[in-house]
Amino acid sequence: MRIGVGVSPYEAVAARSVKSWIDLRGKTVMIGGAKDITRLYFEDMAKANRLGPGEYDYVFAGSTAARFSALTSGSVAATILFPPYNFLALREGYASLGLSANYTKNFPFSTYSANMNWARNNKGSISGFLAAYAKGVDWFYERANRDEAISILMSYLKSDPKDVADTYDYFVKLHVFDRVGAVGGSGVENYLAILKRDGDLEGGTDLGRFYDASLVH
């Protein structure tokens, strides 16, 4: 129905002894899973830095907290982290290997979807949701609202104030929330191609099977 977050907010973080991607050759790294989206991000970053699949070993953990624990315990040489755990790791002296947003392009991070039969019978609700979401995105990016946004995040996340503030600033820097949210041309087709390649999607990958542009205009 619309793109929510247009870019990936992950960061690859490595042990203090790692100075470059090449230092991961022959080492063990941790991602979310064999078919998890973090694998795509990690491999895009590694390949761009002359480190190919098969030159390192994988272990898996589905949560960022578990991957952070594996890194800080010394169990893995590198992992991929979501805020605020990337900030925690960097403050403890672990090494940043880069942001996934700078590598994996034309590949939206999250979407909002609805059953198309329901949506066709509830266009008013769809229009209201899209308008409210766009208004919320505008509010989030307005710098005058920074303190209030951080306060709202803290009330839900129950996290350290600095971590929440760093997360807000990081999301603004990456411009993660998509104001328009247009599905056409966003790269959703790349998702479909990967699902087809991995045997998780039957039938064609034409976007029209899954998206009706008339519902969002």
Foldseek 3Di string as FASTA:
>chain_A
DFFFFQFDFKWKWFALVDDALVVQFAWEEEEADPPDPQVVLVQQLSVVRVHHPPRHHYDHHNAQVVRLVCRVVVVGGMYMHHAPSVVVCVVVNIGTHGGSRVGDALAGDDDDADDPVVLVVPLVVLQVVLVVSLVVLVLLLPVVCLVVVLVVVCVPPVDDSVRSSVNSVSCNVSVGTDNNRDPVSSNVLVVLVVCVVVVNDDDDSPCVVGDDPVSHD
